[in-house]
Amino acid sequence: MTSYIFEFIGTAMLILIGNGVVANVVLKGTKGADAGWTGISLAWGIAVFIGVFVSADGSGAHLNPAVSIGLATAGKFSWTMVPGYVVAQILGAMMGNLLIWLTYKKQYDATEDQGALLATFCTSPAIRSPGWNLVSETIGTFVLVFGVFYIAGGAIGEETISLGSLDALPVALLVIGIGFGLGGTTGYAINPARDFGPRLLHAILPLKNKGSSDWQYSWVPIIGPVLGAILAAFAFTLLN
């Protein structure tokens, strides 16, 4: 149970800071509108650093169903733990975005742009092409999970892999790199819980000018990251 609690807390912190900067950039009436993509990419790296650092000792700091599935596929994490981790991650992501909504409540009320509102919860493609969007999410998550395998200390040959607090900075830098290099196509969800949980919250909350939660796209940031994680696990296994 401790592991699940820390996955919940770590994921909530991840989303609170990560999507919090999106809210600061795109909502009407904030003081961060000039931060742009650079600010968003850097803040997501900081969000990862905080989430990993807080939860590393308690849960191994997966904070992402794709990471949990990738580690389990490679035999480095128990499949019996995966469902509980995924539920904790989704609920944590919802909690993180709920705190963003409470923080920026007046800005949410003042914002009429439905796309901007949705962007503070979940991802959407710059050019909508589900097949190619899927490719983008798969590649981005492959880079993330493959990197995690090697960042996580003496992972090779060990039965389990867990991120420690000292791994927080390199993982954060990895995510910043993905944001700058690969994030412009889909907003780099690279994490099913990061997208699905907040998207579900968007559908539930009584937002003014809410608009659609874009469920027709929601499968892409779920399937793409899972595929990328599984491919990364196979690649890691073949190389080691």
Protein backbone atom coordinates (compact mmCIF):
# COMPACT_ATOMS: atom_id res chain seq x y z
CA MET A 1 0.00 0.00 0.00
CA THR A 2 2.89 2.38 0.70
CA SER A 3 4.07 2.03 -2.89
CA TYR A 4 0.63 2.92 -4.23
CA ILE A 5 0.37 5.95 -1.94
CA PHE A 6 3.72 7.30 -3.10
CA GLU A 7 2.82 6.68 -6.75
CA PHE A 8 -0.33 8.73 -6.14
CA ILE A 9 1.60 11.54 -4.44
CA GLY A 10 4.43 11.59 -6.96
CA THR A 11 2.09 11.63 -9.95
CA ALA A 12 -0.02 14.37 -8.36
CA MET A 13 3.10 16.51 -7.91
CA LEU A 14 4.17 15.77 -11.49
CA ILE A 15 0.87 16.96 -12.93
CA LEU A 16 0.45 19.88 -10.53
CA ILE A 17 3.68 21.49 -11.70
CA GLY A 18 3.66 20.22 -15.29
CA ASN A 19 0.11 21.13 -16.26
CA GLY A 20 0.28 24.05 -13.85
CA VAL A 21 2.76 25.80 -16.12
CA VAL A 22 0.48 25.11 -19.10
CA ALA A 23 -2.33 26.82 -17.22
CA ASN A 24 -0.02 29.72 -16.42
CA VAL A 25 0.87 30.09 -20.09
CA VAL A 26 -2.48 29.64 -21.85
CA LEU A 27 -5.21 30.82 -19.48
CA LYS A 28 -6.48 34.40 -19.59
CA GLY A 29 -5.38 36.73 -16.82
CA THR A 30 -2.22 34.99 -15.62
CA LYS A 31 1.29 36.46 -15.30
CA GLY A 32 3.04 33.70 -17.24
CA ALA A 33 1.69 34.12 -20.75
CA ASP A 34 5.11 34.89 -22.26
CA ALA A 35 6.79 31.65 -21.06
CA GLY A 36 5.86 29.74 -24.22
CA TRP A 37 7.11 26.30 -25.26
CA THR A 38 10.51 26.80 -23.60
CA GLY A 39 8.88 27.45 -20.26
CA ILE A 40 6.55 24.48 -20.65
CA SER A 41 9.35 22.07 -21.56
CA LEU A 42 11.58 23.23 -18.72
CA ALA A 43 8.75 23.14 -16.20
CA TRP A 44 7.80 19.59 -17.16
CA GLY A 45 11.39 18.58 -16.47
CA ILE A 46 11.21 20.26 -13.06
CA ALA A 47 7.87 18.54 -12.47
CA VAL A 48 9.46 15.16 -13.17
CA PHE A 49 12.36 16.00 -10.85
CA ILE A 50 9.97 16.83 -8.00
CA GLY A 51 7.71 13.83 -8.57
CA VAL A 52 10.61 11.38 -8.78
CA PHE A 53 12.46 12.85 -5.81
CA VAL A 54 9.38 12.73 -3.60
CA SER A 55 8.31 9.18 -4.50
CA ALA A 56 11.56 7.38 -5.35
CA ASP A 57 12.12 5.76 -1.97
CA GLY A 58 8.44 4.94 -1.48
CA SER A 59 7.49 3.42 -4.82
CA GLY A 60 10.42 3.52 -7.25
CA ALA A 61 8.89 6.60 -8.89
CA HIS A 62 7.28 5.15 -12.00
CA LEU A 63 4.61 7.91 -12.14
CA ASN A 64 3.61 6.56 -15.55
CA PRO A 65 1.79 3.37 -16.63
CA ALA A 66 4.14 3.10 -19.61
CA VAL A 67 7.13 2.90 -17.26
CA SER A 68 5.43 0.28 -15.09
CA ILE A 69 4.45 -1.79 -18.15
CA GLY A 70 7.89 -1.42 -19.71
CA LEU A 71 9.66 -2.57 -16.54
CA ALA A 72 7.26 -5.50 -16.15
CA THR A 73 7.76 -6.50 -19.79
CA ALA A 74 11.50 -6.61 -19.22
CA GLY A 75 11.02 -8.72 -16.09
CA LYS A 76 12.20 -5.91 -13.81
CA PHE A 77 8.88 -5.29 -12.05
CA SER A 78 6.10 -7.61 -10.91
CA TRP A 79 3.05 -7.72 -13.19
CA THR A 80 0.89 -8.19 -10.08
CA MET A 81 1.82 -4.65 -9.00
CA VAL A 82 1.04 -3.02 -12.35
CA PRO A 83 -2.77 -2.61 -11.98
CA GLY A 84 -2.44 -0.95 -8.58
CA TYR A 85 0.31 1.34 -9.85
CA VAL A 86 -1.78 2.35 -12.87
CA VAL A 87 -4.82 3.16 -10.73
CA ALA A 88 -2.68 5.18 -8.30
CA GLN A 89 -1.09 7.06 -11.19
CA ILE A 90 -4.43 7.93 -12.80
CA LEU A 91 -5.94 9.09 -9.51
CA GLY A 92 -2.79 11.06 -8.72
CA ALA A 93 -2.94 12.77 -12.10
CA MET A 94 -6.56 13.72 -11.46
CA MET A 95 -5.70 15.12 -8.05
CA GLY A 96 -2.83 17.16 -9.47
CA ASN A 97 -5.08 18.73 -12.10
CA LEU A 98 -7.83 19.35 -9.56
CA LEU A 99 -5.34 21.41 -7.55
CA ILE A 100 -4.45 23.36 -10.70
CA TRP A 101 -8.12 24.15 -11.26
CA LEU A 102 -8.45 25.37 -7.67
CA THR A 103 -5.30 27.47 -8.00
CA TYR A 104 -6.38 29.11 -11.28
CA LYS A 105 -10.15 29.12 -10.68
CA LYS A 106 -10.63 32.78 -11.59
CA GLN A 107 -8.47 32.42 -14.70
CA TYR A 108 -10.46 29.37 -15.77
CA ASP A 109 -13.66 31.38 -15.37
CA ALA A 110 -12.23 34.22 -17.47
CA THR A 111 -10.96 32.03 -20.32
CA GLU A 112 -13.29 31.58 -23.30
CA ASP A 113 -10.92 29.61 -25.53
CA GLN A 114 -12.08 25.99 -25.24
CA GLY A 115 -8.85 24.66 -26.72
CA ALA A 116 -6.80 26.53 -24.14
CA LEU A 117 -8.94 25.14 -21.34
CA LEU A 118 -8.50 21.59 -22.61
CA ALA A 119 -4.74 22.08 -23.00
CA THR A 120 -4.39 22.58 -19.25
CA PHE A 121 -5.72 19.04 -18.75
CA CYS A 122 -4.57 16.84 -21.62
CA THR A 123 -2.72 16.75 -24.92
CA SER A 124 -3.85 17.33 -28.48
CA PRO A 125 -1.97 17.11 -31.79
CA ALA A 126 -0.60 20.13 -33.64
CA ILE A 127 -1.67 18.44 -36.90
CA ARG A 128 -4.39 15.85 -36.38
CA SER A 129 -3.36 12.60 -38.04
CA PRO A 130 -4.01 9.74 -35.60
CA GLY A 131 -1.63 7.29 -37.25
CA TRP A 132 1.30 9.69 -37.30
CA ASN A 133 0.36 11.06 -33.88
CA LEU A 134 0.57 7.48 -32.63
CA VAL A 135 4.05 7.16 -34.15
CA SER A 136 5.14 10.35 -32.37
CA GLU A 137 3.91 9.16 -28.98
CA THR A 138 5.48 5.74 -29.51
CA ILE A 139 8.89 7.20 -30.36
CA GLY A 140 8.82 9.72 -27.53
CA THR A 141 7.92 7.08 -24.97
CA PHE A 142 10.52 4.68 -26.34
CA VAL A 143 13.16 7.32 -25.64
CA LEU A 144 11.78 7.89 -22.14
CA VAL A 145 11.55 4.25 -21.05
CA PHE A 146 14.78 3.16 -22.76
CA GLY A 147 16.54 6.01 -20.98
CA VAL A 148 14.98 5.08 -17.65
CA PHE A 149 16.37 1.54 -17.95
CA TYR A 150 19.90 2.90 -18.10
CA ILE A 151 19.47 5.82 -15.70
CA ALA A 152 18.16 3.59 -12.93
CA GLY A 153 21.54 2.72 -11.47
CA GLY A 154 22.73 -0.88 -11.63
CA ALA A 155 19.68 -2.02 -13.53
CA ILE A 156 21.42 -4.49 -15.83
CA GLY A 157 21.26 -7.99 -14.44
CA GLU A 158 19.13 -7.06 -11.45
CA GLU A 159 15.69 -8.50 -10.88
CA THR A 160 14.05 -5.13 -10.26
CA ILE A 161 14.58 -1.55 -11.35
CA SER A 162 13.57 1.40 -9.19
CA LEU A 163 14.45 5.02 -9.67
CA GLY A 164 16.23 6.43 -6.64
CA SER A 165 16.26 10.06 -5.58
CA LEU A 166 19.67 10.55 -7.23
CA ASP A 167 18.08 9.57 -10.56
CA ALA A 168 15.60 12.46 -10.40
CA LEU A 169 17.84 14.97 -12.20
CA PRO A 170 18.87 12.77 -15.17
CA VAL A 171 15.26 11.68 -15.70
CA ALA A 172 14.20 15.33 -15.58
CA LEU A 173 16.82 16.21 -18.19
CA LEU A 174 15.62 13.31 -20.33
CA VAL A 175 12.06 14.65 -20.25
CA ILE A 176 13.25 18.18 -21.07
CA GLY A 177 15.10 16.77 -24.06
CA ILE A 178 12.01 14.90 -25.24
CA GLY A 179 9.97 18.08 -24.91
CA PHE A 180 12.38 20.17 -26.94
CA GLY A 181 13.20 17.50 -29.52
CA LEU A 182 10.02 15.46 -29.96
CA GLY A 183 7.19 17.30 -28.23
CA GLY A 184 5.95 19.62 -30.93
CA THR A 185 3.75 17.11 -32.74
CA THR A 186 1.41 15.93 -29.99
CA GLY A 187 2.43 17.77 -26.83
CA TYR A 188 4.35 14.63 -25.75
CA ALA A 189 1.97 12.92 -23.36
CA ILE A 190 4.39 9.94 -23.15
CA ASN A 191 2.31 8.89 -20.15
CA PRO A 192 -1.23 7.42 -20.34
CA ALA A 193 -2.13 8.51 -16.80
CA ARG A 194 -0.93 12.07 -17.46
CA ASP A 195 -3.43 12.33 -20.31
CA PHE A 196 -6.34 10.08 -19.35
CA GLY A 197 -6.76 11.14 -15.71
CA PRO A 198 -6.88 14.89 -16.39
CA ARG A 199 -9.01 14.36 -19.51
CA LEU A 200 -11.53 12.51 -17.35
CA LEU A 201 -11.40 15.33 -14.82
CA HIS A 202 -12.03 17.85 -17.62
CA ALA A 203 -15.19 15.93 -18.50
CA ILE A 204 -16.35 15.99 -14.87
CA LEU A 205 -15.56 19.54 -13.71
CA PRO A 206 -18.15 22.32 -14.14
CA LEU A 207 -15.90 24.49 -16.32
CA LYS A 208 -17.27 27.55 -18.06
CA ASN A 209 -16.88 27.33 -21.87
CA LYS A 210 -15.69 23.76 -21.41
CA GLY A 211 -16.30 22.31 -24.83
CA SER A 212 -15.39 18.78 -25.84
CA SER A 213 -12.95 16.58 -23.93
CA ASP A 214 -11.86 15.18 -27.33
CA TRP A 215 -12.34 11.54 -26.43
CA GLN A 216 -11.93 10.53 -30.07
CA TYR A 217 -8.23 11.35 -29.77
CA SER A 218 -7.75 9.95 -26.26
CA TRP A 219 -6.63 6.49 -27.39
CA VAL A 220 -3.47 7.88 -29.02
CA PRO A 221 -1.74 9.05 -25.78
CA ILE A 222 -2.65 5.69 -24.22
CA ILE A 223 -1.73 3.19 -26.93
CA GLY A 224 1.33 5.09 -28.21
CA PRO A 225 3.12 5.22 -24.85
CA VAL A 226 2.32 1.58 -24.11
CA LEU A 227 3.74 0.51 -27.49
CA GLY A 228 6.83 2.67 -26.98
CA ALA A 229 7.43 1.20 -23.53
CA ILE A 230 7.10 -2.38 -24.73
CA LEU A 231 9.48 -1.75 -27.64
CA ALA A 232 11.97 -0.13 -25.24
CA ALA A 233 11.76 -3.17 -22.96
CA PHE A 234 12.45 -5.55 -25.85
CA ALA A 235 15.37 -3.40 -27.04
CA PHE A 236 16.84 -3.26 -23.53
CA THR A 237 16.46 -7.01 -23.11
CA LEU A 238 18.15 -7.76 -26.44
CA LEU A 239 21.07 -5.49 -25.61
CA ASN A 240 21.55 -6.90 -22.14
